[in-house]
């Protein structure tokens, strides 16, 4: 298909069969052109854990501090989600963004437990990292923090959530990325979450 000369971007959306069959582009003009390709879809397998200068992991506890990472949750159960990680670079300051995609079936109750020691019975959490920013969205918990070698080499963040909807859900990985040097990034493993009816 020949396209007329234009200064506006040309967008061509391809169905899967067309994409599989292949696309040939040919510039018949003597002026260079730019093109970009974006592919969207769902992966067949969950992404593997990743550590490229930064690491992050998620652990789930009951309110008494017992690890319940691989246990089914009864509807109405309150859990404490702890995000931990570290910097594996040398002499680099990172302005990091952490995104914990919330699995369906859970709702965030308390977005930040930075003052956990003052909350009854949650002193077991211990010291939590000071955040630059935190935000609750319907499907994720987002925090920004400054990290560097030395005293700020490790971090720990916690929030409270509740199991609300029975079902079997995919537990997405937590991601961390330097907002201005995105080649420094990390990703936790993924898993499954089961919420049973009360």
C-alpha atoms as a PDB file:
ATOM      1  CA  UNK A   1       0.000   0.000   0.000  1.00  0.00           C
ATOM      2  CA  UNK A   2       1.506   3.345  -1.050  1.00  0.00           C
ATOM      3  CA  UNK A   3       1.067   6.298   1.287  1.00  0.00           C
ATOM      4  CA  UNK A   4       0.997   9.930   0.120  1.00  0.00           C
ATOM      5  CA  UNK A   5       3.700  12.315   1.409  1.00  0.00           C
ATOM      6  CA  UNK A   6       2.804  13.751   4.807  1.00  0.00           C
ATOM      7  CA  UNK A   7       4.404  15.589   7.698  1.00  0.00           C
ATOM      8  CA  UNK A   8       2.091  13.955  10.222  1.00  0.00           C
ATOM      9  CA  UNK A   9       2.839  10.566  11.768  1.00  0.00           C
ATOM     10  CA  UNK A  10       1.257   7.598  10.030  1.00  0.00           C
ATOM     11  CA  UNK A  11      -0.069   4.960  12.405  1.00  0.00           C
ATOM     12  CA  UNK A  12      -0.781   1.460  11.162  1.00  0.00           C
ATOM     13  CA  UNK A  13      -2.417  -0.984  13.556  1.00  0.00           C
ATOM     14  CA  UNK A  14      -1.897  -4.611  12.640  1.00  0.00           C
ATOM     15  CA  UNK A  15      -3.991  -7.599  13.591  1.00  0.00           C
ATOM     16  CA  UNK A  16      -2.078 -10.649  14.782  1.00  0.00           C
ATOM     17  CA  UNK A  17      -2.285 -12.505  11.421  1.00  0.00           C
ATOM     18  CA  UNK A  18      -0.935  -9.450   9.551  1.00  0.00           C
ATOM     19  CA  UNK A  19       1.867  -9.054  12.070  1.00  0.00           C
ATOM     20  CA  UNK A  20       2.818 -12.736  11.845  1.00  0.00           C
ATOM     21  CA  UNK A  21       2.785 -12.581   8.034  1.00  0.00           C
ATOM     22  CA  UNK A  22       5.305  -9.736   8.200  1.00  0.00           C
ATOM     23  CA  UNK A  23       5.432  -6.141   7.057  1.00  0.00           C
ATOM     24  CA  UNK A  24       7.794  -4.603   4.502  1.00  0.00           C
ATOM     25  CA  UNK A  25       8.509  -0.888   4.544  1.00  0.00           C
ATOM     26  CA  UNK A  26      10.107   0.900   1.618  1.00  0.00           C
ATOM     27  CA  UNK A  27      10.969   4.571   1.399  1.00  0.00           C
ATOM     28  CA  UNK A  28      10.652   5.678  -2.237  1.00  0.00           C
ATOM     29  CA  UNK A  29      11.632   9.254  -1.456  1.00  0.00           C
ATOM     30  CA  UNK A  30      15.164  10.622  -1.113  1.00  0.00           C
ATOM     31  CA  UNK A  31      14.392  12.087   2.349  1.00  0.00           C
ATOM     32  CA  UNK A  32      14.966   9.889   5.375  1.00  0.00           C
ATOM     33  CA  UNK A  33      12.083   8.742   7.508  1.00  0.00           C
ATOM     34  CA  UNK A  34      11.814   7.531  11.077  1.00  0.00           C
ATOM     35  CA  UNK A  35       9.717   4.645  12.256  1.00  0.00           C
ATOM     36  CA  UNK A  36       8.917   3.045  15.582  1.00  0.00           C
ATOM     37  CA  UNK A  37       7.290  -0.231  16.498  1.00  0.00           C
ATOM     38  CA  UNK A  38       5.201  -0.874  19.593  1.00  0.00           C
ATOM     39  CA  UNK A  39       3.913  -4.323  20.426  1.00  0.00           C
ATOM     40  CA  UNK A  40       1.328  -4.913  23.143  1.00  0.00           C
ATOM     41  CA  UNK A  41       0.079  -8.110  24.669  1.00  0.00           C
ATOM     42  CA  UNK A  42       0.214 -10.412  27.649  1.00  0.00           C
ATOM     43  CA  UNK A  43       3.260 -12.608  28.222  1.00  0.00           C
ATOM     44  CA  UNK A  44       2.801 -16.381  28.153  1.00  0.00           C
ATOM     45  CA  UNK A  45       4.902 -16.752  31.319  1.00  0.00           C
ATOM     46  CA  UNK A  46       5.450 -14.378  34.256  1.00  0.00           C
ATOM     47  CA  UNK A  47       8.596 -12.255  34.001  1.00  0.00           C
ATOM     48  CA  UNK A  48      11.612 -13.547  35.916  1.00  0.00           C
ATOM     49  CA  UNK A  49      13.161 -11.639  38.805  1.00  0.00           C
ATOM     50  CA  UNK A  50      15.687  -9.000  37.744  1.00  0.00           C
ATOM     51  CA  UNK A  51      18.532  -7.178  39.512  1.00  0.00           C
ATOM     52  CA  UNK A  52      20.443  -4.525  37.590  1.00  0.00           C
ATOM     53  CA  UNK A  53      22.031  -2.354  40.263  1.00  0.00           C
ATOM     54  CA  UNK A  54      18.851  -2.352  42.396  1.00  0.00           C
ATOM     55  CA  UNK A  55      16.932  -5.194  44.037  1.00  0.00           C
ATOM     56  CA  UNK A  56      13.456  -5.399  45.535  1.00  0.00           C
ATOM     57  CA  UNK A  57      11.397  -8.162  47.136  1.00  0.00           C
ATOM     58  CA  UNK A  58       7.942  -8.431  48.709  1.00  0.00           C
ATOM     59  CA  UNK A  59       6.971 -10.327  51.851  1.00  0.00           C
ATOM     60  CA  UNK A  60       3.502 -10.661  53.344  1.00  0.00           C
ATOM     61  CA  UNK A  61       2.927 -10.959  57.095  1.00  0.00           C
ATOM     62  CA  UNK A  62      -0.076 -11.248  59.368  1.00  0.00           C
ATOM     63  CA  UNK A  63      -0.545  -8.463  61.919  1.00  0.00           C
ATOM     64  CA  UNK A  64       1.450 -10.454  64.509  1.00  0.00           C
ATOM     65  CA  UNK A  65       4.517 -10.594  62.251  1.00  0.00           C
ATOM     66  CA  UNK A  66       4.173 -14.184  61.021  1.00  0.00           C
ATOM     67  CA  UNK A  67       5.317 -14.661  57.418  1.00  0.00           C
ATOM     68  CA  UNK A  68       2.384 -15.802  55.259  1.00  0.00           C
ATOM     69  CA  UNK A  69       3.924 -15.383  51.784  1.00  0.00           C
ATOM     70  CA  UNK A  70       2.613 -18.650  50.349  1.00  0.00           C
ATOM     71  CA  UNK A  71      -0.582 -19.069  52.346  1.00  0.00           C
ATOM     72  CA  UNK A  72      -4.170 -18.641  51.244  1.00  0.00           C
ATOM     73  CA  UNK A  73      -5.903 -15.638  52.796  1.00  0.00           C
ATOM     74  CA  UNK A  74      -9.393 -15.734  54.215  1.00  0.00           C
ATOM     75  CA  UNK A  75     -11.677 -12.917  53.100  1.00  0.00           C
ATOM     76  CA  UNK A  76     -11.394 -10.024  55.563  1.00  0.00           C
ATOM     77  CA  UNK A  77      -7.838 -10.863  56.641  1.00  0.00           C
ATOM     78  CA  UNK A  78      -5.571  -7.872  57.267  1.00  0.00           C
ATOM     79  CA  UNK A  79      -1.994  -8.274  56.058  1.00  0.00           C
ATOM     80  CA  UNK A  80       1.182  -6.228  56.282  1.00  0.00           C
ATOM     81  CA  UNK A  81       3.088  -6.008  52.991  1.00  0.00           C
ATOM     82  CA  UNK A  82       6.810  -5.332  53.428  1.00  0.00           C
ATOM     83  CA  UNK A  83       8.966  -4.245  50.477  1.00  0.00           C
ATOM     84  CA  UNK A  84      12.722  -4.594  50.994  1.00  0.00           C
ATOM     85  CA  UNK A  85      15.719  -4.169  48.771  1.00  0.00           C
ATOM     86  CA  UNK A  86      19.163  -2.724  48.341  1.00  0.00           C
ATOM     87  CA  UNK A  87      21.496  -0.746  46.123  1.00  0.00           C
ATOM     88  CA  UNK A  88      24.238  -2.770  44.434  1.00  0.00           C
ATOM     89  CA  UNK A  89      25.976   0.129  42.708  1.00  0.00           C
ATOM     90  CA  UNK A  90      29.004   2.070  43.923  1.00  0.00           C
ATOM     91  CA  UNK A  91      29.015   5.824  44.586  1.00  0.00           C
ATOM     92  CA  UNK A  92      25.792   6.480  42.681  1.00  0.00           C
ATOM     93  CA  UNK A  93      22.762   8.277  44.075  1.00  0.00           C
ATOM     94  CA  UNK A  94      19.454   6.894  42.875  1.00  0.00           C
ATOM     95  CA  UNK A  95      16.108   8.652  42.803  1.00  0.00           C
ATOM     96  CA  UNK A  96      14.104   5.461  42.826  1.00  0.00           C
ATOM     97  CA  UNK A  97      10.499   4.741  42.001  1.00  0.00           C
ATOM     98  CA  UNK A  98       8.973   1.559  43.417  1.00  0.00           C
ATOM     99  CA  UNK A  99       5.688   0.239  42.049  1.00  0.00           C
ATOM    100  CA  UNK A 100       3.907  -2.617  43.810  1.00  0.00           C
ATOM    101  CA  UNK A 101       1.071  -3.688  41.516  1.00  0.00           C
ATOM    102  CA  UNK A 102      -1.748  -4.833  43.774  1.00  0.00           C
ATOM    103  CA  UNK A 103      -3.302  -8.163  42.885  1.00  0.00           C
ATOM    104  CA  UNK A 104      -7.049  -8.237  42.434  1.00  0.00           C
ATOM    105  CA  UNK A 105      -8.638  -9.398  45.678  1.00  0.00           C
ATOM    106  CA  UNK A 106      -6.633  -7.023  47.900  1.00  0.00           C
ATOM    107  CA  UNK A 107      -7.299  -3.423  48.912  1.00  0.00           C
ATOM    108  CA  UNK A 108      -4.833  -1.092  50.611  1.00  0.00           C
ATOM    109  CA  UNK A 109      -5.922  -0.136  54.138  1.00  0.00           C
ATOM    110  CA  UNK A 110      -3.044   2.042  55.339  1.00  0.00           C
ATOM    111  CA  UNK A 111      -0.753   3.476  52.655  1.00  0.00           C
ATOM    112  CA  UNK A 112       2.272   4.028  54.859  1.00  0.00           C
ATOM    113  CA  UNK A 113       3.347   2.489  58.117  1.00  0.00           C
ATOM    114  CA  UNK A 114       6.330   4.802  58.505  1.00  0.00           C
ATOM    115  CA  UNK A 115       5.263   5.347  62.107  1.00  0.00           C
ATOM    116  CA  UNK A 116       4.679   1.632  62.674  1.00  0.00           C
ATOM    117  CA  UNK A 117       6.330   1.700  66.104  1.00  0.00           C
ATOM    118  CA  UNK A 118       3.565   3.975  67.318  1.00  0.00           C
ATOM    119  CA  UNK A 119       0.849   1.661  65.992  1.00  0.00           C
ATOM    120  CA  UNK A 120      -0.299  -0.920  68.511  1.00  0.00           C
ATOM    121  CA  UNK A 121       1.235  -4.375  68.017  1.00  0.00           C
ATOM    122  CA  UNK A 122       3.178  -3.457  64.867  1.00  0.00           C
ATOM    123  CA  UNK A 123       6.517  -2.701  66.496  1.00  0.00           C
ATOM    124  CA  UNK A 124       7.874  -5.948  64.993  1.00  0.00           C
ATOM    125  CA  UNK A 125       8.142  -4.173  61.642  1.00  0.00           C
ATOM    126  CA  UNK A 126      11.075  -2.135  62.897  1.00  0.00           C
ATOM    127  CA  UNK A 127      12.669   0.854  61.192  1.00  0.00           C
ATOM    128  CA  UNK A 128      11.155   1.948  57.887  1.00  0.00           C
ATOM    129  CA  UNK A 129      12.782   4.086  55.209  1.00  0.00           C
ATOM    130  CA  UNK A 130      11.735   7.721  54.877  1.00  0.00           C
ATOM    131  CA  UNK A 131       9.826   8.230  51.634  1.00  0.00           C
ATOM    132  CA  UNK A 132       9.945  11.246  49.325  1.00  0.00           C
ATOM    133  CA  UNK A 133       6.438  10.487  48.069  1.00  0.00           C
ATOM    134  CA  UNK A 134       3.799   7.755  48.299  1.00  0.00           C
ATOM    135  CA  UNK A 135       0.587   7.306  46.375  1.00  0.00           C
ATOM    136  CA  UNK A 136      -2.290   4.848  46.482  1.00  0.00           C
ATOM    137  CA  UNK A 137      -4.010   3.987  43.230  1.00  0.00           C
ATOM    138  CA  UNK A 138      -6.760   1.426  42.695  1.00  0.00           C
ATOM    139  CA  UNK A 139      -4.311  -1.153  41.402  1.00  0.00           C
ATOM    140  CA  UNK A 140      -0.901  -0.217  42.855  1.00  0.00           C
ATOM    141  CA  UNK A 141       1.142   1.315  45.637  1.00  0.00           C
ATOM    142  CA  UNK A 142       3.778   3.761  44.395  1.00  0.00           C
ATOM    143  CA  UNK A 143       6.654   5.278  46.359  1.00  0.00           C
ATOM    144  CA  UNK A 144       9.607   7.500  45.516  1.00  0.00           C
ATOM    145  CA  UNK A 145      12.757   7.546  47.642  1.00  0.00           C
ATOM    146  CA  UNK A 146      16.400   8.507  47.497  1.00  0.00           C
ATOM    147  CA  UNK A 147      18.941   5.669  47.662  1.00  0.00           C
ATOM    148  CA  UNK A 148      22.725   5.638  47.644  1.00  0.00           C
ATOM    149  CA  UNK A 149      25.694   3.655  48.866  1.00  0.00           C
ATOM    150  CA  UNK A 150      26.376   3.731  52.611  1.00  0.00           C
ATOM    151  CA  UNK A 151      23.662   4.309  55.189  1.00  0.00           C
ATOM    152  CA  UNK A 152      20.897   4.449  52.562  1.00  0.00           C
ATOM    153  CA  UNK A 153      22.055   1.270  50.813  1.00  0.00           C
ATOM    154  CA  UNK A 154      19.071  -0.784  51.982  1.00  0.00           C
ATOM    155  CA  UNK A 155      15.420   0.153  52.308  1.00  0.00           C
ATOM    156  CA  UNK A 156      12.264  -1.201  53.902  1.00  0.00           C
ATOM    157  CA  UNK A 157       8.723   0.025  53.232  1.00  0.00           C
ATOM    158  CA  UNK A 158       5.465  -1.347  54.605  1.00  0.00           C
ATOM    159  CA  UNK A 159       1.757  -0.880  54.090  1.00  0.00           C
ATOM    160  CA  UNK A 160      -1.410  -2.538  55.324  1.00  0.00           C
ATOM    161  CA  UNK A 161      -3.886  -4.291  53.025  1.00  0.00           C
ATOM    162  CA  UNK A 162      -6.991  -6.414  53.377  1.00  0.00           C
ATOM    163  CA  UNK A 163      -8.185  -9.479  51.456  1.00  0.00           C
ATOM    164  CA  UNK A 164     -11.620  -8.503  50.146  1.00  0.00           C
ATOM    165  CA  UNK A 165     -12.642 -10.578  47.130  1.00  0.00           C
ATOM    166  CA  UNK A 166     -12.490 -14.393  47.031  1.00  0.00           C
ATOM    167  CA  UNK A 167     -10.718 -15.913  44.041  1.00  0.00           C
ATOM    168  CA  UNK A 168      -7.400 -17.014  42.568  1.00  0.00           C
ATOM    169  CA  UNK A 169      -5.198 -14.163  41.389  1.00  0.00           C
ATOM    170  CA  UNK A 170      -1.820 -13.518  39.810  1.00  0.00           C
ATOM    171  CA  UNK A 171       0.575 -11.715  42.161  1.00  0.00           C
ATOM    172  CA  UNK A 172       2.482  -9.277  39.926  1.00  0.00           C
ATOM    173  CA  UNK A 173       6.148  -8.502  40.594  1.00  0.00           C
ATOM    174  CA  UNK A 174       7.280  -5.387  42.441  1.00  0.00           C
ATOM    175  CA  UNK A 175       9.476  -3.113  40.306  1.00  0.00           C
ATOM    176  CA  UNK A 176      12.115  -0.556  41.223  1.00  0.00           C
ATOM    177  CA  UNK A 177      13.748   1.837  38.781  1.00  0.00           C
ATOM    178  CA  UNK A 178      16.032   4.838  38.930  1.00  0.00           C
ATOM    179  CA  UNK A 179      13.809   7.547  37.457  1.00  0.00           C
ATOM    180  CA  UNK A 180      16.715   9.294  35.710  1.00  0.00           C
ATOM    181  CA  UNK A 181      19.003   6.327  35.016  1.00  0.00           C
ATOM    182  CA  UNK A 182      16.480   3.620  34.040  1.00  0.00           C
ATOM    183  CA  UNK A 183      19.153   1.034  33.223  1.00  0.00           C
ATOM    184  CA  UNK A 184      19.403   0.638  37.018  1.00  0.00           C
ATOM    185  CA  UNK A 185      16.326  -1.395  37.840  1.00  0.00           C
ATOM    186  CA  UNK A 186      15.055  -4.439  39.659  1.00  0.00           C
ATOM    187  CA  UNK A 187      12.031  -6.718  39.730  1.00  0.00           C
ATOM    188  CA  UNK A 188      10.856  -9.261  42.271  1.00  0.00           C
ATOM    189  CA  UNK A 189       9.500 -12.664  41.387  1.00  0.00           C
ATOM    190  CA  UNK A 190       5.774 -13.118  40.821  1.00  0.00           C
ATOM    191  CA  UNK A 191       3.354 -15.655  42.196  1.00  0.00           C
ATOM    192  CA  UNK A 192      -0.245 -16.482  42.957  1.00  0.00           C
ATOM    193  CA  UNK A 193      -2.685 -15.234  45.569  1.00  0.00           C
ATOM    194  CA  UNK A 194      -5.735 -17.166  46.761  1.00  0.00           C
ATOM    195  CA  UNK A 195      -8.461 -15.451  48.790  1.00  0.00           C
ATOM    196  CA  UNK A 196     -10.988 -17.865  50.273  1.00  0.00           C
ATOM    197  CA  UNK A 197     -14.584 -16.981  51.134  1.00  0.00           C
ATOM    198  CA  UNK A 198     -15.264 -16.367  54.783  1.00  0.00           C
END
